[in-house]
Amino acid sequence: PGPVCKTFYADPELRMRTRVDGVLTLVDTVHFLQQLQRDRSEGSVNESAQQVAFADKVLLNKVDAAGLEQVAKVEETIRGM
């Protein structure tokens, strides 16, 4: 979300006409923990972690497809970030 938010501040006309009120991140409850733990090449960033850390609000998606234990683990992980 950082580069997207910067767009609103970089363009003077956009800055006059809009404002960023907050950042909402949508998290795939079924795959989130796998995304956090997957192998990355050296020097690359963990986008999943960055997006959640940058967010003002986090919305969990696919909670109906995840078990209660999975939802609890994802919530705990997000709260610990």
Protein backbone atom coordinates (compact mmCIF):
# COMPACT_ATOMS: atom_id res chain seq x y z
CA PRO A 1 0.00 0.00 0.00
CA GLY A 2 2.92 2.40 0.50
CA PRO A 3 3.53 3.16 -3.19
CA VAL A 4 -0.19 3.60 -3.81
CA CYS A 5 -0.51 6.04 -0.91
CA LYS A 6 2.53 7.98 -2.10
CA THR A 7 0.78 8.53 -5.44
CA PHE A 8 -1.86 10.64 -3.71
CA TYR A 9 0.81 12.89 -2.18
CA ALA A 10 3.15 13.11 -5.18
CA ASP A 11 0.66 14.59 -7.65
CA PRO A 12 -0.32 18.16 -6.65
CA GLU A 13 -3.73 17.99 -8.37
CA LEU A 14 -4.57 14.66 -6.78
CA ARG A 15 -3.44 16.00 -3.43
CA MET A 16 -5.85 18.95 -3.77
CA ARG A 17 -8.83 16.79 -4.79
CA THR A 18 -8.40 13.74 -2.56
CA ARG A 19 -7.11 12.59 0.78
CA VAL A 20 -6.09 9.22 2.14
CA ASP A 21 -8.30 8.54 5.13
CA GLY A 22 -6.87 5.10 5.89
CA VAL A 23 -5.53 1.87 4.50
CA LEU A 24 -7.60 -1.30 4.44
CA THR A 25 -5.84 -4.62 3.81
CA LEU A 26 -7.76 -7.71 2.79
CA VAL A 27 -6.26 -10.95 4.16
CA ASP A 28 -6.97 -14.39 2.71
CA THR A 29 -7.53 -16.35 5.92
CA VAL A 30 -6.96 -19.71 4.23
CA HIS A 31 -3.55 -18.88 2.71
CA PHE A 32 -2.17 -16.04 4.85
CA LEU A 33 0.06 -18.10 7.15
CA GLN A 34 1.53 -19.95 4.16
CA GLN A 35 2.27 -16.63 2.45
CA LEU A 36 4.10 -15.36 5.52
CA GLN A 37 6.30 -18.46 5.74
CA ARG A 38 7.07 -19.11 2.08
CA ASP A 39 10.68 -18.98 0.88
CA ARG A 40 11.80 -15.73 -0.71
CA SER A 41 14.90 -14.81 -2.59
CA GLU A 42 17.60 -12.98 -0.68
CA GLY A 43 16.86 -9.29 -0.35
CA SER A 44 13.17 -9.57 -1.20
CA VAL A 45 10.55 -8.30 1.20
CA ASN A 46 7.65 -10.14 2.74
CA GLU A 47 4.79 -8.30 1.03
CA SER A 48 2.11 -10.00 3.09
CA ALA A 49 3.68 -8.81 6.34
CA GLN A 50 4.27 -5.31 4.99
CA GLN A 51 0.70 -4.90 3.81
CA VAL A 52 -0.72 -5.95 7.17
CA ALA A 53 1.76 -3.80 9.11
CA PHE A 54 0.92 -0.75 6.98
CA ALA A 55 -2.86 -1.14 7.32
CA ASP A 56 -5.13 0.85 9.58
CA LYS A 57 -7.74 -1.88 9.33
CA VAL A 58 -7.51 -5.55 8.34
CA LEU A 59 -10.42 -7.45 6.84
CA LEU A 60 -10.29 -11.25 6.97
CA ASN A 61 -11.62 -12.91 3.82
CA LYS A 62 -12.65 -16.57 3.36
CA VAL A 63 -13.28 -17.15 7.06
CA ASP A 64 -16.12 -19.47 6.05
CA ALA A 65 -13.60 -21.72 4.27
CA ALA A 66 -11.20 -21.78 7.22
CA GLY A 67 -11.76 -23.61 10.46
CA LEU A 68 -12.15 -21.80 13.77
CA GLU A 69 -8.60 -22.78 14.74
CA GLN A 70 -7.19 -21.36 11.49
CA VAL A 71 -9.07 -18.08 11.98
CA ALA A 72 -7.76 -17.83 15.55
CA LYS A 73 -4.16 -18.43 14.40
CA VAL A 74 -4.43 -15.79 11.69
CA GLU A 75 -5.93 -13.26 14.11
CA GLU A 76 -3.20 -13.96 16.66
CA THR A 77 -0.48 -13.59 14.03
CA ILE A 78 -1.90 -10.30 12.77
CA ARG A 79 -2.26 -8.89 16.28
CA GLY A 80 1.38 -9.77 16.93
CA MET A 81 2.69 -7.88 13.91
